[in-house]
Amino acid sequence: ADLWRLNVGEKQQGQGYGRVAVEGVFDEARRRGFSRVTVSWVPGEGSPEGFYLRLGFRPTGRVEDGEIVAAIELD
């Protein structure tokens, strides 16, 4: 499963909304039989890289259209 884009308003960031949304994606992916979720981001200032790494995503080594591709294995 691929998480294409997640946007949380700047004033709401850091309040857990993004984590809840991504955990919902994990739950739905599991329900549909997926064992892995991927995401990508553009590196640099303002990047969501830290957010996704804290959730357990790890870079795959792939870069597509200048975006780092990361994945998480679901249990």
N, C-alpha and C. Protein backbone atom coordinates (compact mmCIF):
# COMPACT_ATOMS: atom_id res chain seq x y z
N ALA A 1 0.86 -1.18 0.00
CA ALA A 1 0.00 0.00 0.00
C ALA A 1 0.89 1.22 0.00
N ASP A 2 0.44 2.28 -0.62
CA ASP A 2 1.20 3.53 -0.69
C ASP A 2 0.44 4.66 -0.03
N LEU A 3 1.11 5.37 0.85
CA LEU A 3 0.58 6.59 1.43
C LEU A 3 1.07 7.71 0.54
N TRP A 4 0.16 8.30 -0.22
CA TRP A 4 0.57 9.25 -1.25
C TRP A 4 0.90 10.61 -0.68
N ARG A 5 -0.01 11.24 0.03
CA ARG A 5 0.24 12.54 0.63
C ARG A 5 -0.57 12.67 1.91
N LEU A 6 0.01 13.34 2.90
CA LEU A 6 -0.68 13.65 4.14
C LEU A 6 -0.36 15.10 4.47
N ASN A 7 -1.37 15.90 4.60
CA ASN A 7 -1.17 17.31 4.93
C ASN A 7 -1.92 17.63 6.22
N VAL A 8 -1.19 18.19 7.18
CA VAL A 8 -1.76 18.66 8.43
C VAL A 8 -1.40 20.13 8.54
N GLY A 9 -2.40 20.95 8.80
CA GLY A 9 -2.17 22.38 8.91
C GLY A 9 -1.06 22.71 9.89
N GLU A 10 -0.29 23.73 9.58
CA GLU A 10 0.88 24.08 10.39
C GLU A 10 0.52 24.27 11.87
N LYS A 11 -0.58 24.92 12.15
CA LYS A 11 -0.97 25.19 13.54
C LYS A 11 -1.40 23.91 14.27
N GLN A 12 -1.79 22.88 13.53
CA GLN A 12 -2.23 21.62 14.14
C GLN A 12 -1.11 20.59 14.24
N GLN A 13 0.03 20.87 13.61
CA GLN A 13 1.14 19.91 13.64
C GLN A 13 1.65 19.76 15.07
N GLY A 14 2.09 18.55 15.39
CA GLY A 14 2.63 18.27 16.71
C GLY A 14 1.57 17.93 17.74
N GLN A 15 0.31 17.80 17.31
CA GLN A 15 -0.78 17.51 18.23
C GLN A 15 -1.31 16.08 18.08
N GLY A 16 -0.68 15.28 17.24
CA GLY A 16 -1.06 13.89 17.12
C GLY A 16 -2.00 13.56 15.97
N TYR A 17 -2.47 14.59 15.24
CA TYR A 17 -3.41 14.33 14.14
C TYR A 17 -2.77 13.48 13.05
N GLY A 18 -1.55 13.79 12.69
CA GLY A 18 -0.86 13.03 11.64
C GLY A 18 -0.65 11.59 12.04
N ARG A 19 -0.22 11.37 13.29
CA ARG A 19 0.00 10.01 13.78
C ARG A 19 -1.29 9.21 13.72
N VAL A 20 -2.39 9.79 14.17
CA VAL A 20 -3.68 9.09 14.13
C VAL A 20 -4.06 8.76 12.69
N ALA A 21 -3.85 9.70 11.79
CA ALA A 21 -4.20 9.47 10.38
C ALA A 21 -3.36 8.34 9.79
N VAL A 22 -2.07 8.34 10.05
CA VAL A 22 -1.20 7.30 9.49
C VAL A 22 -1.51 5.95 10.13
N GLU A 23 -1.79 5.92 11.42
CA GLU A 23 -2.16 4.66 12.05
C GLU A 23 -3.46 4.12 11.45
N GLY A 24 -4.37 5.02 11.07
CA GLY A 24 -5.59 4.60 10.37
C GLY A 24 -5.27 3.98 9.02
N VAL A 25 -4.29 4.54 8.32
CA VAL A 25 -3.84 3.96 7.05
C VAL A 25 -3.27 2.56 7.30
N PHE A 26 -2.48 2.41 8.36
CA PHE A 26 -1.93 1.08 8.69
C PHE A 26 -3.06 0.09 8.93
N ASP A 27 -4.04 0.48 9.72
CA ASP A 27 -5.17 -0.41 10.03
C ASP A 27 -5.91 -0.83 8.77
N GLU A 28 -6.16 0.13 7.89
CA GLU A 28 -6.88 -0.18 6.65
C GLU A 28 -6.04 -1.05 5.73
N ALA A 29 -4.74 -0.78 5.67
CA ALA A 29 -3.85 -1.60 4.85
C ALA A 29 -3.86 -3.06 5.34
N ARG A 30 -3.77 -3.24 6.65
CA ARG A 30 -3.83 -4.59 7.21
C ARG A 30 -5.15 -5.26 6.86
N ARG A 31 -6.25 -4.53 7.02
CA ARG A 31 -7.57 -5.07 6.75
C ARG A 31 -7.67 -5.55 5.31
N ARG A 32 -6.98 -4.84 4.40
CA ARG A 32 -7.01 -5.19 2.99
C ARG A 32 -5.95 -6.21 2.61
N GLY A 33 -5.19 -6.69 3.59
CA GLY A 33 -4.22 -7.74 3.32
C GLY A 33 -2.82 -7.28 2.97
N PHE A 34 -2.52 -6.00 3.10
CA PHE A 34 -1.18 -5.50 2.82
C PHE A 34 -0.27 -5.74 4.03
N SER A 35 0.98 -6.00 3.79
CA SER A 35 1.94 -6.19 4.87
C SER A 35 3.00 -5.10 4.89
N ARG A 36 2.88 -4.15 3.96
CA ARG A 36 3.90 -3.09 3.85
C ARG A 36 3.23 -1.83 3.35
N VAL A 37 3.67 -0.69 3.90
CA VAL A 37 3.20 0.61 3.44
C VAL A 37 4.43 1.43 3.06
N THR A 38 4.36 2.12 1.93
CA THR A 38 5.44 3.00 1.51
C THR A 38 4.95 4.44 1.51
N VAL A 39 5.92 5.33 1.60
CA VAL A 39 5.67 6.77 1.57
C VAL A 39 6.90 7.41 0.94
N SER A 40 6.77 8.64 0.48
CA SER A 40 7.94 9.35 -0.05
C SER A 40 7.86 10.81 0.35
N TRP A 41 9.02 11.46 0.34
CA TRP A 41 9.08 12.88 0.67
C TRP A 41 10.26 13.52 -0.02
N VAL A 42 10.15 14.82 -0.20
CA VAL A 42 11.25 15.61 -0.73
C VAL A 42 12.13 16.01 0.45
N PRO A 43 13.41 15.68 0.41
CA PRO A 43 14.28 16.03 1.54
C PRO A 43 14.51 17.54 1.62
N GLY A 44 14.89 17.98 2.81
CA GLY A 44 15.22 19.38 2.99
C GLY A 44 14.40 20.03 4.10
N GLU A 45 14.59 21.31 4.24
CA GLU A 45 13.90 22.07 5.27
C GLU A 45 12.39 21.96 5.10
N GLY A 46 11.69 21.70 6.20
CA GLY A 46 10.24 21.55 6.15
C GLY A 46 9.78 20.18 5.73
N SER A 47 10.72 19.27 5.52
CA SER A 47 10.39 17.90 5.09
C SER A 47 9.72 17.14 6.24
N PRO A 48 8.81 16.22 5.91
CA PRO A 48 8.20 15.38 6.94
C PRO A 48 9.05 14.16 7.31
N GLU A 49 10.31 14.15 6.89
CA GLU A 49 11.17 12.98 7.11
C GLU A 49 11.18 12.53 8.57
N GLY A 50 11.41 13.43 9.50
CA GLY A 50 11.48 13.07 10.91
C GLY A 50 10.18 12.45 11.41
N PHE A 51 9.07 12.99 10.97
CA PHE A 51 7.75 12.46 11.35
C PHE A 51 7.63 11.01 10.92
N TYR A 52 7.93 10.73 9.66
CA TYR A 52 7.79 9.37 9.15
C TYR A 52 8.80 8.42 9.79
N LEU A 53 10.02 8.88 10.05
CA LEU A 53 11.00 8.02 10.70
C LEU A 53 10.56 7.68 12.13
N ARG A 54 9.99 8.65 12.84
CA ARG A 54 9.50 8.39 14.20
C ARG A 54 8.37 7.37 14.20
N LEU A 55 7.61 7.30 13.12
CA LEU A 55 6.53 6.33 13.02
C LEU A 55 7.04 4.93 12.65
N GLY A 56 8.31 4.83 12.27
CA GLY A 56 8.89 3.53 11.96
C GLY A 56 9.21 3.29 10.50
N PHE A 57 8.91 4.25 9.63
CA PHE A 57 9.30 4.11 8.22
C PHE A 57 10.81 4.15 8.12
N ARG A 58 11.37 3.37 7.19
CA ARG A 58 12.80 3.36 6.93
C ARG A 58 13.05 3.53 5.44
N PRO A 59 14.04 4.38 5.08
CA PRO A 59 14.35 4.56 3.66
C PRO A 59 14.69 3.24 3.00
N THR A 60 14.20 3.08 1.77
CA THR A 60 14.44 1.84 1.02
C THR A 60 15.72 1.90 0.19
N GLY A 61 16.28 3.11 0.04
CA GLY A 61 17.42 3.29 -0.84
C GLY A 61 17.00 3.79 -2.21
N ARG A 62 15.70 3.78 -2.48
CA ARG A 62 15.18 4.29 -3.76
C ARG A 62 14.90 5.78 -3.65
N VAL A 63 15.13 6.47 -4.75
CA VAL A 63 14.76 7.87 -4.89
C VAL A 63 13.99 7.98 -6.20
N GLU A 64 12.77 8.50 -6.13
CA GLU A 64 11.93 8.64 -7.32
C GLU A 64 11.54 10.10 -7.48
N ASP A 65 11.86 10.65 -8.62
CA ASP A 65 11.54 12.06 -8.91
C ASP A 65 12.04 12.98 -7.80
N GLY A 66 13.21 12.68 -7.26
CA GLY A 66 13.81 13.51 -6.22
C GLY A 66 13.25 13.26 -4.83
N GLU A 67 12.35 12.28 -4.68
CA GLU A 67 11.76 11.98 -3.38
C GLU A 67 12.34 10.69 -2.82
N ILE A 68 12.66 10.73 -1.52
CA ILE A 68 13.13 9.54 -0.81
C ILE A 68 11.95 8.62 -0.58
N VAL A 69 12.10 7.36 -0.93
CA VAL A 69 11.05 6.37 -0.73
C VAL A 69 11.38 5.59 0.54
N ALA A 70 10.40 5.48 1.43
CA ALA A 70 10.58 4.74 2.68
C ALA A 70 9.43 3.75 2.83
N ALA A 71 9.65 2.75 3.67
CA ALA A 71 8.63 1.71 3.86
C ALA A 71 8.59 1.29 5.32
N ILE A 72 7.46 0.73 5.70
CA ILE A 72 7.29 0.12 7.01
C ILE A 72 6.61 -1.23 6.80
N GLU A 73 7.12 -2.23 7.49
CA GLU A 73 6.51 -3.56 7.46
C GLU A 73 5.46 -3.61 8.56
N LEU A 74 4.27 -4.02 8.21
CA LEU A 74 3.19 -4.09 9.18
C LEU A 74 3.21 -5.44 9.87
N ASP A 75 2.86 -5.45 11.14
CA ASP A 75 2.82 -6.73 11.85
C ASP A 75 1.44 -7.31 11.86
